[in-house]
Amino acid sequence: MFHIASEEEVLRGEVTDVYFTRAVEILKKNRIDKKVKAEFVVKGLPENYGWAILAGSEEFLALIENLNLSLNVRGVREGTLFHANQPVMEIEGRYLDFCLYETALLGLLCQASGIVTRAARCVAAAAPPFVT
């Protein structure tokens, strides 16, 4: 059986890795609320892929908007081909504002990008070779 989070669980910050919850507790206990910049980077691609395609940015931005988070967001356009170690998205703001949502934000990009990349690879593999 698969567990799929509901929209309400995501919006309440319940879909997060435990270390983000612990980070919030520690930062609040120590009264630390810094502005940070986080880059979203893929360190490695599966099966020795040389490239991937970014997808899920609409959902990424919708989650930030639904949460009414005050963040600056920069990123490559949806459908952009990217390589390992190349930043595809960057958010800037108070870490406590988005910390609990980092897992969901990453998940939106990872799942959608994985599906689109695999589909593009299938199409590329099935396409006839270019003839001059």
N, C-alpha and C. Protein backbone atom coordinates (compact mmCIF):
# COMPACT_ATOMS: atom_id res chain seq x y z
N MET A 1 0.85 -1.19 0.00
CA MET A 1 0.00 0.00 0.00
C MET A 1 0.88 1.24 0.00
N PHE A 2 0.48 2.22 -0.80
CA PHE A 2 1.23 3.46 -0.88
C PHE A 2 0.54 4.52 -0.05
N HIS A 3 1.34 5.33 0.60
CA HIS A 3 0.79 6.47 1.34
C HIS A 3 0.97 7.71 0.50
N ILE A 4 -0.11 8.35 0.18
CA ILE A 4 -0.08 9.60 -0.56
C ILE A 4 -0.60 10.68 0.36
N ALA A 5 0.17 11.73 0.52
CA ALA A 5 -0.22 12.82 1.42
C ALA A 5 -1.36 13.62 0.82
N SER A 6 -2.23 14.08 1.70
CA SER A 6 -3.32 14.95 1.25
C SER A 6 -2.79 16.38 1.14
N GLU A 7 -3.53 17.21 0.45
CA GLU A 7 -3.16 18.61 0.32
C GLU A 7 -3.10 19.27 1.70
N GLU A 8 -4.04 18.93 2.56
CA GLU A 8 -4.08 19.50 3.91
C GLU A 8 -2.83 19.13 4.71
N GLU A 9 -2.37 17.87 4.58
CA GLU A 9 -1.16 17.44 5.28
C GLU A 9 0.06 18.22 4.80
N VAL A 10 0.13 18.44 3.51
CA VAL A 10 1.25 19.21 2.96
C VAL A 10 1.20 20.64 3.47
N LEU A 11 0.04 21.26 3.42
CA LEU A 11 -0.10 22.66 3.84
C LEU A 11 0.14 22.86 5.34
N ARG A 12 -0.10 21.82 6.14
CA ARG A 12 0.17 21.90 7.58
C ARG A 12 1.63 21.59 7.90
N GLY A 13 2.42 21.25 6.90
CA GLY A 13 3.83 20.95 7.12
C GLY A 13 4.07 19.58 7.71
N GLU A 14 3.10 18.68 7.56
CA GLU A 14 3.22 17.34 8.14
C GLU A 14 3.99 16.38 7.23
N VAL A 15 4.23 16.78 6.01
CA VAL A 15 4.95 15.94 5.06
C VAL A 15 6.38 16.49 4.98
N THR A 16 7.15 16.17 5.99
CA THR A 16 8.51 16.68 6.04
C THR A 16 9.41 15.64 6.67
N ASP A 17 10.67 15.73 6.36
CA ASP A 17 11.65 14.85 6.99
C ASP A 17 11.87 15.31 8.42
N VAL A 18 12.12 14.36 9.31
CA VAL A 18 12.21 14.66 10.74
C VAL A 18 13.29 15.69 11.04
N TYR A 19 14.37 15.72 10.27
CA TYR A 19 15.43 16.68 10.58
C TYR A 19 14.98 18.12 10.35
N PHE A 20 14.00 18.34 9.48
CA PHE A 20 13.47 19.70 9.32
C PHE A 20 12.65 20.09 10.55
N THR A 21 11.89 19.16 11.09
CA THR A 21 11.13 19.42 12.31
C THR A 21 12.09 19.73 13.46
N ARG A 22 13.13 18.95 13.57
CA ARG A 22 14.13 19.19 14.62
C ARG A 22 14.84 20.53 14.42
N ALA A 23 15.13 20.87 13.18
CA ALA A 23 15.78 22.15 12.89
C ALA A 23 14.90 23.31 13.36
N VAL A 24 13.61 23.24 13.10
CA VAL A 24 12.68 24.29 13.54
C VAL A 24 12.71 24.41 15.06
N GLU A 25 12.64 23.27 15.76
CA GLU A 25 12.66 23.28 17.23
C GLU A 25 13.93 23.95 17.76
N ILE A 26 15.07 23.56 17.21
CA ILE A 26 16.35 24.09 17.67
C ILE A 26 16.47 25.58 17.36
N LEU A 27 16.09 25.98 16.15
CA LEU A 27 16.18 27.40 15.77
C LEU A 27 15.27 28.26 16.64
N LYS A 28 14.05 27.79 16.88
CA LYS A 28 13.13 28.56 17.73
C LYS A 28 13.62 28.63 19.17
N LYS A 29 14.12 27.51 19.68
CA LYS A 29 14.63 27.47 21.06
C LYS A 29 15.78 28.46 21.24
N ASN A 30 16.61 28.59 20.22
CA ASN A 30 17.75 29.49 20.29
C ASN A 30 17.48 30.87 19.69
N ARG A 31 16.22 31.12 19.38
CA ARG A 31 15.77 32.41 18.82
C ARG A 31 16.58 32.82 17.59
N ILE A 32 16.76 31.88 16.70
CA ILE A 32 17.47 32.13 15.45
C ILE A 32 16.45 32.12 14.32
N ASP A 33 16.37 33.22 13.61
CA ASP A 33 15.44 33.34 12.48
C ASP A 33 16.12 34.14 11.38
N LYS A 34 17.01 33.48 10.68
CA LYS A 34 17.84 34.13 9.67
C LYS A 34 17.24 34.05 8.28
N LYS A 35 17.58 35.04 7.49
CA LYS A 35 17.25 35.00 6.07
C LYS A 35 18.33 34.16 5.40
N VAL A 36 17.90 33.23 4.54
CA VAL A 36 18.84 32.33 3.87
C VAL A 36 18.51 32.24 2.39
N LYS A 37 19.44 31.67 1.66
CA LYS A 37 19.23 31.37 0.25
C LYS A 37 19.47 29.88 0.08
N ALA A 38 18.50 29.18 -0.50
CA ALA A 38 18.62 27.75 -0.73
C ALA A 38 18.59 27.48 -2.22
N GLU A 39 19.57 26.71 -2.69
CA GLU A 39 19.61 26.30 -4.09
C GLU A 39 19.16 24.86 -4.20
N PHE A 40 18.38 24.58 -5.21
CA PHE A 40 17.94 23.22 -5.49
C PHE A 40 18.81 22.69 -6.62
N VAL A 41 19.63 21.69 -6.29
CA VAL A 41 20.63 21.15 -7.20
C VAL A 41 20.54 19.63 -7.17
N VAL A 42 20.62 19.01 -8.33
CA VAL A 42 20.70 17.56 -8.40
C VAL A 42 22.18 17.19 -8.42
N LYS A 43 22.61 16.44 -7.41
CA LYS A 43 24.03 16.06 -7.32
C LYS A 43 24.40 14.97 -8.32
N GLY A 44 23.47 14.10 -8.64
CA GLY A 44 23.72 13.04 -9.59
C GLY A 44 22.43 12.60 -10.25
N LEU A 45 22.54 12.10 -11.45
CA LEU A 45 21.38 11.64 -12.19
C LEU A 45 21.40 10.11 -12.30
N PRO A 46 20.24 9.47 -12.36
CA PRO A 46 20.20 8.00 -12.41
C PRO A 46 20.73 7.43 -13.71
N GLU A 47 21.17 6.20 -13.63
CA GLU A 47 21.59 5.44 -14.81
C GLU A 47 22.58 6.19 -15.68
N ASN A 48 23.43 6.96 -15.06
CA ASN A 48 24.45 7.73 -15.78
C ASN A 48 23.87 8.68 -16.82
N TYR A 49 22.67 9.19 -16.55
CA TYR A 49 22.08 10.18 -17.46
C TYR A 49 23.00 11.39 -17.51
N GLY A 50 23.12 11.97 -18.66
CA GLY A 50 23.90 13.20 -18.79
C GLY A 50 23.04 14.44 -18.61
N TRP A 51 21.72 14.26 -18.65
CA TRP A 51 20.83 15.41 -18.56
C TRP A 51 19.48 14.97 -17.98
N ALA A 52 18.72 15.97 -17.56
CA ALA A 52 17.33 15.78 -17.10
C ALA A 52 16.56 17.02 -17.53
N ILE A 53 15.25 16.97 -17.36
CA ILE A 53 14.39 18.09 -17.72
C ILE A 53 13.61 18.53 -16.49
N LEU A 54 13.62 19.83 -16.22
CA LEU A 54 12.91 20.36 -15.05
C LEU A 54 11.41 20.39 -15.31
N ALA A 55 10.67 19.87 -14.36
CA ALA A 55 9.20 19.96 -14.37
C ALA A 55 8.75 20.07 -12.92
N GLY A 56 7.52 20.49 -12.74
CA GLY A 56 6.96 20.63 -11.39
C GLY A 56 7.08 22.03 -10.82
N SER A 57 7.61 22.96 -11.61
CA SER A 57 7.78 24.31 -11.08
C SER A 57 6.45 25.02 -10.83
N GLU A 58 5.42 24.71 -11.63
CA GLU A 58 4.11 25.32 -11.38
C GLU A 58 3.57 24.89 -10.02
N GLU A 59 3.68 23.60 -9.72
CA GLU A 59 3.22 23.09 -8.43
C GLU A 59 4.07 23.66 -7.29
N PHE A 60 5.37 23.76 -7.52
CA PHE A 60 6.31 24.34 -6.56
C PHE A 60 5.86 25.76 -6.19
N LEU A 61 5.61 26.58 -7.21
CA LEU A 61 5.19 27.96 -6.98
C LEU A 61 3.79 28.03 -6.36
N ALA A 62 2.90 27.13 -6.76
CA ALA A 62 1.54 27.12 -6.20
C ALA A 62 1.58 26.82 -4.71
N LEU A 63 2.44 25.90 -4.28
CA LEU A 63 2.56 25.58 -2.86
C LEU A 63 3.03 26.81 -2.09
N ILE A 64 4.03 27.50 -2.61
CA ILE A 64 4.53 28.71 -1.94
C ILE A 64 3.43 29.76 -1.86
N GLU A 65 2.67 29.93 -2.94
CA GLU A 65 1.58 30.91 -2.94
C GLU A 65 0.47 30.51 -1.98
N ASN A 66 0.09 29.22 -1.96
CA ASN A 66 -0.97 28.74 -1.05
C ASN A 66 -0.59 28.94 0.41
N LEU A 67 0.69 28.83 0.70
CA LEU A 67 1.16 29.01 2.07
C LEU A 67 1.38 30.48 2.40
N ASN A 68 1.26 31.33 1.39
CA ASN A 68 1.47 32.77 1.55
C ASN A 68 2.85 33.06 2.12
N LEU A 69 3.84 32.34 1.62
CA LEU A 69 5.21 32.52 2.08
C LEU A 69 5.85 33.72 1.39
N SER A 70 6.57 34.50 2.14
CA SER A 70 7.26 35.67 1.60
C SER A 70 8.67 35.24 1.19
N LEU A 71 8.76 34.70 -0.01
CA LEU A 71 10.04 34.20 -0.52
C LEU A 71 10.32 34.78 -1.89
N ASN A 72 11.58 34.99 -2.17
CA ASN A 72 12.00 35.31 -3.53
C ASN A 72 12.38 34.00 -4.19
N VAL A 73 11.84 33.76 -5.37
CA VAL A 73 12.09 32.51 -6.08
C VAL A 73 12.65 32.83 -7.46
N ARG A 74 13.73 32.12 -7.79
CA ARG A 74 14.32 32.21 -9.12
C ARG A 74 14.55 30.79 -9.60
N GLY A 75 14.40 30.58 -10.89
CA GLY A 75 14.67 29.25 -11.40
C GLY A 75 14.66 29.22 -12.91
N VAL A 76 15.11 28.11 -13.42
CA VAL A 76 15.05 27.92 -14.87
C VAL A 76 13.60 27.64 -15.24
N ARG A 77 13.27 27.85 -16.49
CA ARG A 77 11.90 27.65 -16.96
C ARG A 77 11.52 26.17 -16.97
N GLU A 78 10.24 25.92 -16.79
CA GLU A 78 9.68 24.58 -16.92
C GLU A 78 10.08 24.02 -18.28
N GLY A 79 10.55 22.78 -18.29
CA GLY A 79 10.94 22.14 -19.54
C GLY A 79 12.39 22.35 -19.92
N THR A 80 13.14 23.05 -19.08
CA THR A 80 14.56 23.29 -19.37
C THR A 80 15.39 22.04 -19.12
N LEU A 81 16.26 21.74 -20.06
CA LEU A 81 17.20 20.64 -19.90
C LEU A 81 18.31 21.12 -18.96
N PHE A 82 18.69 20.28 -17.97
CA PHE A 82 19.75 20.65 -17.05
C PHE A 82 20.66 19.46 -16.80
N HIS A 83 21.80 19.74 -16.18
CA HIS A 83 22.81 18.72 -15.90
C HIS A 83 23.03 18.62 -14.38
N ALA A 84 23.68 17.56 -13.95
CA ALA A 84 24.01 17.40 -12.54
C ALA A 84 24.83 18.60 -12.07
N ASN A 85 24.61 18.97 -10.82
CA ASN A 85 25.30 20.08 -10.15
C ASN A 85 24.95 21.46 -10.69
N GLN A 86 23.93 21.54 -11.51
CA GLN A 86 23.47 22.83 -12.03
C GLN A 86 22.25 23.26 -11.22
N PRO A 87 22.29 24.41 -10.53
CA PRO A 87 21.11 24.85 -9.79
C PRO A 87 19.92 25.07 -10.74
N VAL A 88 18.75 24.55 -10.34
CA VAL A 88 17.56 24.73 -11.17
C VAL A 88 16.54 25.66 -10.50
N MET A 89 16.65 25.80 -9.19
CA MET A 89 15.71 26.65 -8.46
C MET A 89 16.46 27.24 -7.27
N GLU A 90 16.05 28.45 -6.89
CA GLU A 90 16.66 29.12 -5.75
C GLU A 90 15.55 29.85 -5.00
N ILE A 91 15.52 29.67 -3.69
CA ILE A 91 14.55 30.43 -2.89
C ILE A 91 15.32 31.19 -1.82
N GLU A 92 14.83 32.39 -1.53
CA GLU A 92 15.47 33.23 -0.53
C GLU A 92 14.39 33.78 0.39
N GLY A 93 14.64 33.67 1.67
CA GLY A 93 13.70 34.17 2.67
C GLY A 93 14.08 33.65 4.04
N ARG A 94 13.22 33.85 5.00
CA ARG A 94 13.48 33.37 6.36
C ARG A 94 13.33 31.85 6.38
N TYR A 95 14.36 31.18 6.88
CA TYR A 95 14.37 29.72 6.86
C TYR A 95 13.19 29.13 7.61
N LEU A 96 12.82 29.72 8.73
CA LEU A 96 11.68 29.19 9.49
C LEU A 96 10.37 29.28 8.72
N ASP A 97 10.31 30.15 7.72
CA ASP A 97 9.09 30.27 6.92
C ASP A 97 8.90 29.09 5.97
N PHE A 98 10.00 28.49 5.49
CA PHE A 98 9.84 27.43 4.50
C PHE A 98 10.45 26.09 4.90
N CYS A 99 11.12 26.03 6.01
CA CYS A 99 11.83 24.81 6.42
C CYS A 99 10.93 23.57 6.40
N LEU A 100 9.75 23.65 6.99
CA LEU A 100 8.86 22.49 7.07
C LEU A 100 8.31 22.06 5.72
N TYR A 101 8.45 22.90 4.71
CA TYR A 101 7.89 22.61 3.40
C TYR A 101 8.95 22.18 2.39
N GLU A 102 10.20 22.14 2.82
CA GLU A 102 11.28 21.82 1.90
C GLU A 102 11.14 20.42 1.30
N THR A 103 10.73 19.46 2.10
CA THR A 103 10.54 18.09 1.60
C THR A 103 9.48 18.07 0.50
N ALA A 104 8.35 18.73 0.73
CA ALA A 104 7.27 18.76 -0.26
C ALA A 104 7.71 19.49 -1.52
N LEU A 105 8.42 20.60 -1.36
CA LEU A 105 8.89 21.36 -2.53
C LEU A 105 9.84 20.51 -3.37
N LEU A 106 10.78 19.85 -2.70
CA LEU A 106 11.71 18.98 -3.42
C LEU A 106 10.97 17.83 -4.10
N GLY A 107 10.00 17.27 -3.40
CA GLY A 107 9.24 16.15 -3.95
C GLY A 107 8.48 16.53 -5.20
N LEU A 108 7.90 17.72 -5.21
CA LEU A 108 7.17 18.18 -6.40
C LEU A 108 8.09 18.27 -7.61
N LEU A 109 9.28 18.82 -7.41
CA LEU A 109 10.23 18.94 -8.51
C LEU A 109 10.79 17.59 -8.93
N CYS A 110 11.14 16.76 -7.95
CA CYS A 110 11.77 15.46 -8.25
C CYS A 110 10.82 14.53 -9.00
N GLN A 111 9.58 14.42 -8.52
CA GLN A 111 8.65 13.48 -9.15
C GLN A 111 8.34 13.92 -10.59
N ALA A 112 7.96 15.18 -10.74
CA ALA A 112 7.59 15.66 -12.07
C ALA A 112 8.79 15.63 -13.03
N SER A 113 9.96 16.04 -12.56
CA SER A 113 11.15 16.03 -13.42
C SER A 113 11.53 14.61 -13.81
N GLY A 114 11.39 13.67 -12.89
CA GLY A 114 11.70 12.28 -13.19
C GLY A 114 10.80 11.71 -14.27
N ILE A 115 9.52 12.01 -14.18
CA ILE A 115 8.56 11.51 -15.18
C ILE A 115 8.84 12.12 -16.55
N VAL A 116 9.01 13.43 -16.59
CA VAL A 116 9.24 14.12 -17.86
C VAL A 116 10.57 13.68 -18.48
N THR A 117 11.59 13.53 -17.66
CA THR A 117 12.90 13.11 -18.17
C THR A 117 12.82 11.70 -18.76
N ARG A 118 12.16 10.80 -18.05
CA ARG A 118 12.04 9.42 -18.55
C ARG A 118 11.26 9.40 -19.86
N ALA A 119 10.18 10.18 -19.94
CA ALA A 119 9.39 10.24 -21.17
C ALA A 119 10.23 10.79 -22.32
N ALA A 120 11.00 11.83 -22.06
CA ALA A 120 11.85 12.41 -23.11
C ALA A 120 12.89 11.41 -23.58
N ARG A 121 13.42 10.61 -22.67
CA ARG A 121 14.42 9.61 -23.04
C ARG A 121 13.79 8.51 -23.89
N CYS A 122 12.54 8.14 -23.58
CA CYS A 122 11.84 7.13 -24.39
C CYS A 122 11.60 7.65 -25.80
N VAL A 123 11.18 8.89 -25.91
CA VAL A 123 10.94 9.48 -27.22
C VAL A 123 12.25 9.58 -27.99
N ALA A 124 13.31 10.01 -27.32
CA ALA A 124 14.61 10.15 -28.00
C ALA A 124 15.11 8.77 -28.46
N ALA A 125 14.90 7.76 -27.67
CA ALA A 125 15.36 6.41 -28.05
C ALA A 125 14.55 5.84 -29.22
N ALA A 126 13.28 6.23 -29.33
CA ALA A 126 12.42 5.70 -30.39
C ALA A 126 12.52 6.49 -31.69
N ALA A 127 13.09 7.69 -31.61
CA ALA A 127 13.16 8.55 -32.80
C ALA A 127 14.17 7.99 -33.79
N PRO A 128 13.85 8.09 -35.07
CA PRO A 128 14.83 7.64 -36.08
C PRO A 128 16.04 8.56 -36.04
N PRO A 129 17.20 8.05 -36.38
CA PRO A 129 18.40 8.89 -36.38
C PRO A 129 18.28 10.01 -37.39
N PHE A 130 18.92 11.10 -37.08
CA PHE A 130 18.93 12.27 -37.97
C PHE A 130 19.82 11.97 -39.16
N VAL A 131 19.29 12.16 -40.35
CA VAL A 131 20.05 11.88 -41.57
C VAL A 131 20.29 13.20 -42.30
N THR A 132 21.51 13.38 -42.75
CA THR A 132 21.82 14.60 -43.49
C THR A 132 21.85 14.34 -44.96
